[in-house]
């Protein structure tokens, strides 16, 4: 089972905020977060990496909504908090 298939099963029946839904939709399409310049004081810049190319697109301010998905899944008793790290490449 791929991580996208596992994620699809994990989120069944969970309601997300509009900001979280945008991120969930991208993750379901196979996108991942790529952290660029992680050595910067702010921890780096989050970029979306397409599953179909090596190009990166700016992810905007997704940090809070992205990790809130993990908190929501944890609070539902579905996964451990570090679960969302599988979608982040540093």
C-alpha atoms as a PDB file:
ATOM      1  CA  UNK A   1       0.000   0.000   0.000  1.00  0.00           C
ATOM      2  CA  UNK A   2       1.416   3.387  -0.983  1.00  0.00           C
ATOM      3  CA  UNK A   3       1.498   6.284   1.451  1.00  0.00           C
ATOM      4  CA  UNK A   4      -1.256   8.039  -0.549  1.00  0.00           C
ATOM      5  CA  UNK A   5      -3.482   4.961  -0.312  1.00  0.00           C
ATOM      6  CA  UNK A   6      -2.763   4.688   3.409  1.00  0.00           C
ATOM      7  CA  UNK A   7      -3.506   8.403   3.851  1.00  0.00           C
ATOM      8  CA  UNK A   8      -6.802   7.978   1.962  1.00  0.00           C
ATOM      9  CA  UNK A   9      -7.831   5.223   4.376  1.00  0.00           C
ATOM     10  CA  UNK A  10      -6.667   7.194   7.429  1.00  0.00           C
ATOM     11  CA  UNK A  11      -8.731  10.311   6.665  1.00  0.00           C
ATOM     12  CA  UNK A  12     -12.028   8.594   5.811  1.00  0.00           C
ATOM     13  CA  UNK A  13     -14.899  10.298   7.606  1.00  0.00           C
ATOM     14  CA  UNK A  14     -12.858  13.212   8.970  1.00  0.00           C
ATOM     15  CA  UNK A  15     -14.030  16.780   8.345  1.00  0.00           C
ATOM     16  CA  UNK A  16     -11.325  19.321   7.521  1.00  0.00           C
ATOM     17  CA  UNK A  17     -11.297  23.118   7.472  1.00  0.00           C
ATOM     18  CA  UNK A  18     -11.097  24.711   3.996  1.00  0.00           C
ATOM     19  CA  UNK A  19      -7.355  25.398   4.479  1.00  0.00           C
ATOM     20  CA  UNK A  20      -6.742  21.799   5.564  1.00  0.00           C
ATOM     21  CA  UNK A  21      -8.886  20.477   2.681  1.00  0.00           C
ATOM     22  CA  UNK A  22      -6.654  22.260   0.123  1.00  0.00           C
ATOM     23  CA  UNK A  23      -3.622  20.530   1.590  1.00  0.00           C
ATOM     24  CA  UNK A  24      -5.351  17.147   1.841  1.00  0.00           C
ATOM     25  CA  UNK A  25      -6.351  17.397  -1.835  1.00  0.00           C
ATOM     26  CA  UNK A  26      -2.734  18.055  -2.868  1.00  0.00           C
ATOM     27  CA  UNK A  27      -1.438  15.182  -0.726  1.00  0.00           C
ATOM     28  CA  UNK A  28      -4.008  12.858  -2.285  1.00  0.00           C
ATOM     29  CA  UNK A  29      -2.726  13.869  -5.733  1.00  0.00           C
ATOM     30  CA  UNK A  30       0.763  12.754  -4.667  1.00  0.00           C
ATOM     31  CA  UNK A  31       2.346  16.121  -3.863  1.00  0.00           C
ATOM     32  CA  UNK A  32       4.897  16.394  -1.065  1.00  0.00           C
ATOM     33  CA  UNK A  33       6.317  19.303   0.903  1.00  0.00           C
ATOM     34  CA  UNK A  34       9.954  20.081   0.097  1.00  0.00           C
ATOM     35  CA  UNK A  35      11.752  22.262   2.649  1.00  0.00           C
ATOM     36  CA  UNK A  36      14.182  24.623   0.911  1.00  0.00           C
ATOM     37  CA  UNK A  37      16.953  26.400   2.865  1.00  0.00           C
ATOM     38  CA  UNK A  38      16.284  24.599   6.164  1.00  0.00           C
ATOM     39  CA  UNK A  39      19.340  26.290   7.695  1.00  0.00           C
ATOM     40  CA  UNK A  40      17.568  29.689   7.808  1.00  0.00           C
ATOM     41  CA  UNK A  41      16.298  31.061  11.120  1.00  0.00           C
ATOM     42  CA  UNK A  42      12.670  30.472  10.107  1.00  0.00           C
ATOM     43  CA  UNK A  43      13.370  26.780   9.449  1.00  0.00           C
ATOM     44  CA  UNK A  44      13.258  27.122   5.681  1.00  0.00           C
ATOM     45  CA  UNK A  45      10.661  27.643   3.007  1.00  0.00           C
ATOM     46  CA  UNK A  46       7.979  25.068   2.282  1.00  0.00           C
ATOM     47  CA  UNK A  47       7.477  24.259  -1.392  1.00  0.00           C
ATOM     48  CA  UNK A  48       5.138  21.781  -3.063  1.00  0.00           C
ATOM     49  CA  UNK A  49       6.928  19.086  -5.065  1.00  0.00           C
ATOM     50  CA  UNK A  50       4.869  17.666  -7.889  1.00  0.00           C
ATOM     51  CA  UNK A  51       4.809  13.879  -8.280  1.00  0.00           C
ATOM     52  CA  UNK A  52       5.105  14.344 -12.038  1.00  0.00           C
ATOM     53  CA  UNK A  53       8.190  16.578 -12.246  1.00  0.00           C
ATOM     54  CA  UNK A  54      11.104  17.936 -10.279  1.00  0.00           C
ATOM     55  CA  UNK A  55       9.758  21.473 -10.315  1.00  0.00           C
ATOM     56  CA  UNK A  56       8.770  23.132  -7.063  1.00  0.00           C
ATOM     57  CA  UNK A  57       5.975  25.618  -6.485  1.00  0.00           C
ATOM     58  CA  UNK A  58       5.669  27.906  -3.496  1.00  0.00           C
ATOM     59  CA  UNK A  59       3.417  26.387  -0.850  1.00  0.00           C
ATOM     60  CA  UNK A  60       2.493  29.692   0.761  1.00  0.00           C
ATOM     61  CA  UNK A  61       1.563  29.645   4.428  1.00  0.00           C
ATOM     62  CA  UNK A  62       0.661  25.980   4.762  1.00  0.00           C
ATOM     63  CA  UNK A  63       2.677  25.165   7.884  1.00  0.00           C
ATOM     64  CA  UNK A  64      -0.105  25.575  10.439  1.00  0.00           C
ATOM     65  CA  UNK A  65      -2.841  23.857   8.397  1.00  0.00           C
ATOM     66  CA  UNK A  66      -0.477  21.060   7.317  1.00  0.00           C
ATOM     67  CA  UNK A  67       0.526  20.113  10.852  1.00  0.00           C
ATOM     68  CA  UNK A  68      -3.011  20.659  12.172  1.00  0.00           C
ATOM     69  CA  UNK A  69      -4.056  17.773   9.927  1.00  0.00           C
ATOM     70  CA  UNK A  70      -1.624  15.589  11.877  1.00  0.00           C
ATOM     71  CA  UNK A  71      -2.986  16.864  15.204  1.00  0.00           C
ATOM     72  CA  UNK A  72      -6.542  16.194  14.061  1.00  0.00           C
ATOM     73  CA  UNK A  73      -5.676  12.636  12.983  1.00  0.00           C
ATOM     74  CA  UNK A  74      -3.864  12.064  16.287  1.00  0.00           C
ATOM     75  CA  UNK A  75      -6.796  13.360  18.326  1.00  0.00           C
ATOM     76  CA  UNK A  76      -9.098  11.010  16.405  1.00  0.00           C
ATOM     77  CA  UNK A  77      -6.805   8.164  17.501  1.00  0.00           C
ATOM     78  CA  UNK A  78      -5.838   7.293  13.938  1.00  0.00           C
ATOM     79  CA  UNK A  79      -2.092   8.010  13.826  1.00  0.00           C
ATOM     80  CA  UNK A  80       0.893   9.205  15.808  1.00  0.00           C
ATOM     81  CA  UNK A  81       1.788  12.885  15.650  1.00  0.00           C
ATOM     82  CA  UNK A  82       4.863  12.321  13.468  1.00  0.00           C
ATOM     83  CA  UNK A  83       2.663  10.711  10.756  1.00  0.00           C
ATOM     84  CA  UNK A  84       2.629  13.839   8.551  1.00  0.00           C
ATOM     85  CA  UNK A  85       6.443  13.808   8.365  1.00  0.00           C
ATOM     86  CA  UNK A  86       6.196  11.170   5.631  1.00  0.00           C
ATOM     87  CA  UNK A  87       4.989  13.950   3.310  1.00  0.00           C
ATOM     88  CA  UNK A  88       7.937  16.273   4.080  1.00  0.00           C
ATOM     89  CA  UNK A  89      11.380  16.075   2.435  1.00  0.00           C
ATOM     90  CA  UNK A  90      14.136  18.129   3.982  1.00  0.00           C
END
